[in-house]
Protein backbone atom coordinates (compact mmCIF):
# COMPACT_ATOMS: atom_id res chain seq x y z
CA MET A 1 -30.94 30.56 -3.52
CA GLY A 2 -27.75 31.92 -5.07
CA LYS A 3 -25.82 31.17 -1.88
CA ARG A 4 -26.94 27.52 -1.97
CA VAL A 5 -25.92 27.17 -5.62
CA ARG A 6 -22.46 28.60 -4.96
CA ARG A 7 -21.92 26.21 -2.05
CA GLU A 8 -22.87 23.16 -4.09
CA GLU A 9 -20.73 24.29 -7.03
CA SER A 10 -17.74 24.41 -4.67
CA LEU A 11 -18.29 20.75 -3.75
CA SER A 12 -15.98 19.08 -6.25
CA ARG A 13 -15.13 15.41 -6.60
CA ASP A 14 -11.60 16.21 -5.44
CA ARG A 15 -12.89 17.78 -2.21
CA ILE A 16 -15.04 14.73 -1.56
CA ILE A 17 -12.08 12.40 -2.14
CA GLU A 18 -9.78 14.36 0.17
CA ALA A 19 -12.42 14.38 2.90
CA SER A 20 -12.90 10.64 2.41
CA ILE A 21 -9.16 10.01 2.80
CA ALA A 22 -9.19 11.95 6.07
CA LEU A 23 -12.12 9.90 7.35
CA LEU A 24 -10.56 6.61 6.28
CA ASP A 25 -7.28 7.50 7.99
CA SER A 26 -8.95 8.48 11.25
CA ARG A 27 -11.83 5.98 11.42
CA GLY A 28 -11.06 3.16 8.98
CA GLU A 29 -13.38 1.78 6.32
CA GLY A 30 -16.22 1.39 8.79
CA GLY A 31 -16.07 5.10 9.56
CA LEU A 32 -16.51 6.16 5.95
CA THR A 33 -20.24 6.74 5.66
CA PHE A 34 -22.15 9.27 3.59
CA ARG A 35 -23.54 10.74 6.81
CA ALA A 36 -20.07 11.31 8.25
CA LEU A 37 -18.88 12.67 4.91
CA SER A 38 -21.87 15.01 4.70
CA GLU A 39 -21.10 16.38 8.16
CA ARG A 40 -17.44 16.93 7.32
CA LEU A 41 -18.27 18.71 4.07
CA ALA A 42 -21.29 20.55 5.50
CA THR A 43 -23.54 19.39 2.69
CA GLY A 44 -26.26 16.86 1.97
CA ALA A 45 -25.75 13.26 0.90
CA GLY A 46 -27.52 14.00 -2.37
CA ALA A 47 -24.84 16.49 -3.36
CA ILE A 48 -22.17 13.85 -2.74
CA TYR A 49 -24.04 11.24 -4.79
CA TRP A 50 -23.90 13.68 -7.71
CA HIS A 51 -20.11 13.06 -7.82
CA VAL A 52 -19.77 9.40 -6.69
CA GLU A 53 -22.02 6.40 -7.18
CA ASN A 54 -21.56 4.56 -3.90
CA LYS A 55 -19.10 3.76 -1.12
CA GLY A 56 -17.19 1.32 -3.33
CA ASP A 57 -16.67 4.02 -5.95
CA LEU A 58 -15.53 6.40 -3.21
CA LEU A 59 -13.04 3.91 -1.76
CA THR A 60 -11.54 3.21 -5.16
CA ALA A 61 -11.26 6.93 -5.94
CA ALA A 62 -9.60 7.64 -2.57
CA CYS A 63 -7.20 4.75 -3.10
CA ASP A 64 -6.39 5.96 -6.61
CA ALA A 65 -5.61 9.45 -5.29
CA VAL A 66 -3.13 8.06 -2.75
CA VAL A 67 -1.53 5.74 -5.31
CA ALA A 68 -1.25 8.51 -7.92
CA ARG A 69 0.48 10.95 -5.57
CA THR A 70 2.76 8.16 -4.33
CA MET A 71 3.82 7.23 -7.84
CA ALA A 72 4.37 10.78 -9.12
CA PRO A 73 7.92 11.22 -7.75
CA CYS A 74 8.86 7.68 -8.83
CA ALA A 75 8.55 8.62 -12.48
CA ALA A 76 11.09 11.43 -12.20
CA GLY A 77 13.80 9.50 -14.07
CA GLY A 78 16.56 7.13 -13.14
CA SER A 79 17.22 3.54 -14.06
CA PRO A 80 14.41 0.96 -14.21
CA GLU A 81 15.85 -0.67 -11.08
CA ASP A 82 15.83 2.62 -9.19
CA THR A 83 12.28 3.34 -10.30
CA ILE A 84 11.15 -0.08 -9.07
CA ARG A 85 12.88 0.49 -5.72
CA ALA A 86 11.32 3.94 -5.36
CA LEU A 87 7.85 2.67 -6.27
CA ALA A 88 8.13 -0.29 -3.92
CA LEU A 89 9.22 1.81 -0.96
CA GLY A 90 6.70 4.53 -1.76
CA LEU A 91 3.85 2.02 -1.74
CA PHE A 92 5.18 0.38 1.43
CA ASP A 93 5.14 3.73 3.23
CA ALA A 94 1.80 4.80 1.74
CA ILE A 95 0.05 1.59 2.83
CA ASP A 96 1.63 1.90 6.26
CA ALA A 97 0.25 5.45 6.54
CA HIS A 98 -3.12 4.52 4.99
CA PRO A 99 -3.79 0.84 5.92
CA TRP A 100 -7.13 0.82 4.10
CA VAL A 101 -5.28 1.28 0.78
CA GLY A 102 -3.93 -2.28 0.90
CA SER A 103 -7.35 -3.91 1.32
CA THR A 104 -8.91 -1.58 -1.27
CA LEU A 105 -6.28 -2.53 -3.85
CA THR A 106 -7.13 -6.21 -3.48
CA ARG A 107 -10.73 -5.40 -4.40
CA ALA A 108 -9.80 -3.13 -7.31
CA ALA A 109 -7.86 -5.56 -9.51
CA GLY A 110 -9.10 -4.14 -12.82
CA GLN A 111 -9.51 -0.54 -11.76
CA ALA A 112 -7.39 2.61 -11.91
CA PRO A 113 -5.19 2.31 -8.80
CA MET A 114 -4.08 -1.24 -9.52
CA LEU A 115 -3.66 -0.55 -13.21
CA ARG A 116 -1.35 2.38 -12.42
CA ILE A 117 0.92 0.10 -10.41
CA VAL A 118 0.87 -2.75 -12.91
CA GLU A 119 1.66 -0.42 -15.81
CA CYS A 120 4.54 1.26 -14.00
CA LEU A 121 6.09 -2.04 -12.95
CA GLY A 122 5.54 -3.51 -16.39
CA GLN A 123 7.25 -0.63 -18.16
CA GLN A 124 10.30 -0.88 -15.90
CA VAL A 125 10.52 -4.66 -16.31
CA ARG A 126 10.26 -4.27 -20.09
CA ALA A 127 13.11 -1.75 -20.00
CA LEU A 128 15.25 -4.38 -18.26
CA GLY A 129 15.28 -6.42 -21.48
CA LEU A 130 13.30 -9.52 -20.48
CA SER A 131 11.36 -11.65 -22.95
CA ASP A 132 7.58 -11.24 -23.15
CA ASP A 133 6.99 -14.22 -20.86
CA GLY A 134 9.71 -13.05 -18.51
CA GLN A 135 8.15 -9.59 -18.30
CA TRP A 136 4.85 -10.97 -17.04
CA THR A 137 6.53 -13.26 -14.50
CA ALA A 138 8.78 -10.50 -13.16
CA ALA A 139 6.05 -7.85 -12.97
CA SER A 140 3.70 -10.32 -11.27
CA ALA A 141 6.34 -11.34 -8.72
CA LEU A 142 7.11 -7.71 -7.89
CA LEU A 143 3.43 -6.77 -7.65
CA HIS A 144 2.51 -9.60 -5.31
CA TYR A 145 5.59 -9.15 -3.16
CA ILE A 146 5.15 -5.39 -2.78
CA LEU A 147 1.43 -5.44 -2.02
CA GLY A 148 1.61 -8.60 0.09
CA VAL A 149 4.41 -7.48 2.38
CA ALA A 150 3.19 -3.87 2.59
CA GLY A 151 -0.33 -5.03 3.40
CA GLN A 152 0.85 -7.45 6.08
CA ASN A 153 3.07 -4.80 7.64
CA ALA A 154 0.16 -2.36 7.79
CA ALA A 155 -2.09 -5.02 9.31
CA ASN A 156 0.53 -5.78 11.97
CA THR A 157 0.82 -2.08 12.81
CA GLN A 158 -2.94 -1.70 13.09
CA PHE A 159 -3.22 -4.78 15.30
CA ALA A 160 -0.47 -3.49 17.58
CA ARG A 161 -2.15 -0.10 17.93
CA ALA A 162 -5.57 -1.60 18.57
CA HIS A 163 -4.19 -3.84 21.33
CA ASP A 164 -1.67 -1.34 22.72
CA ILE A 165 1.27 -3.62 21.92
CA ASP A 166 4.80 -2.21 22.11
CA ARG A 167 6.76 -3.42 19.08
CA ALA A 168 10.08 -3.80 20.89
CA ASP A 169 8.51 -5.75 23.76
CA PHE A 170 6.57 -7.97 21.38
CA LEU A 171 9.60 -8.78 19.22
CA GLY A 172 11.75 -9.34 22.30
CA ALA A 173 9.26 -11.83 23.71
CA MET A 174 9.01 -13.63 20.36
CA ALA A 175 12.79 -13.79 20.05
CA THR A 176 13.03 -15.32 23.51
CA VAL A 177 10.50 -18.01 22.58
CA TRP A 178 12.31 -18.75 19.32
CA SER A 179 15.67 -19.03 21.06
CA GLN A 180 14.27 -21.72 23.35
CA LEU A 181 12.90 -23.96 20.59
CA ASP A 182 14.21 -27.48 20.13
CA PRO A 183 17.42 -27.13 18.06
CA ASN A 184 16.74 -30.38 16.21
CA ASP A 185 13.25 -29.38 15.09
CA TYR A 186 13.86 -25.65 14.54
CA PRO A 187 17.55 -25.09 13.73
CA PHE A 188 16.93 -22.14 11.41
CA THR A 189 14.35 -20.41 13.58
CA ARG A 190 16.66 -20.57 16.57
CA SER A 191 19.55 -19.21 14.53
CA VAL A 192 17.66 -16.02 13.60
CA ALA A 193 16.06 -15.42 16.99
CA ASP A 194 18.40 -12.57 17.89
CA ARG A 195 17.76 -10.81 14.58
CA MET A 196 14.06 -10.83 15.38
CA ARG A 197 14.61 -8.44 18.30
CA GLU A 198 15.80 -5.43 16.31
CA HIS A 199 15.08 -6.07 12.64
CA ASP A 200 13.99 -3.15 10.44
CA ASP A 201 10.78 -3.84 8.50
CA ARG A 202 11.58 -1.36 5.73
CA ALA A 203 15.13 -2.65 5.32
CA ASP A 204 13.89 -6.26 5.16
CA PHE A 205 11.27 -5.22 2.60
CA LEU A 206 13.84 -3.55 0.36
CA ALA A 207 16.15 -6.55 0.69
CA GLY A 208 13.34 -8.69 -0.70
CA VAL A 209 12.93 -6.32 -3.65
CA GLU A 210 16.67 -6.65 -4.31
CA LEU A 211 16.36 -10.44 -4.35
CA ILE A 212 13.69 -10.20 -7.04
CA LEU A 213 15.79 -7.73 -9.04
CA CYS A 214 18.74 -10.10 -8.82
CA GLY A 215 16.51 -12.88 -10.10
CA ILE A 216 15.41 -10.70 -13.00
CA ALA A 217 19.04 -10.00 -13.86
CA SER A 218 19.85 -13.71 -13.81
CA GLN A 219 17.04 -14.36 -16.29
CA GLY A 220 18.53 -12.04 -18.89
CA GLY A 221 17.60 -8.61 -17.60
CA ARG A 222 20.19 -5.87 -17.45
């Protein structure tokens, strides 16, 4: 009896969350079940339900854990612009490593992981000296850009892996198609065809963040 009590006492919420992250990374959202989690933790489903209400609660908690550890080094000091850059790139890499985080964030608009991101972005935007209305617009633009691009990048990566697509071959084929488009109908698309072959997703992402920061500066930010 004592042995059983000690085992269940060792089953903390943190252990459950870490095991859930591992399952989500290896099997995706569909692979996160209480049966699979029970097997990984060598315990019963009832013991898990003592710490989490349901799968939705578990997904949000796992997402919050990833977001929190991603944001921790971003708050280490530096200018507001540098903090925004660090947060943006940290989230881009985190969602690339944990694709399920992007979709979970879209379903957790008023919950901890999203609130962490909104608050951090909002504080940095406020420090840039924008008006109240400007703060909301700038924080919203940054939030939607970061999560939108990071989520799409992760989805592209997952699709490529699922269909055994080589990135270089895929981009090369697309660039070839673009270069052969009618120059009258697609002058811009043709002009960037060669860049499509070897572009860097992270570099393009950061360039977009810089565009938004430049826009903030033009509206009266620092």
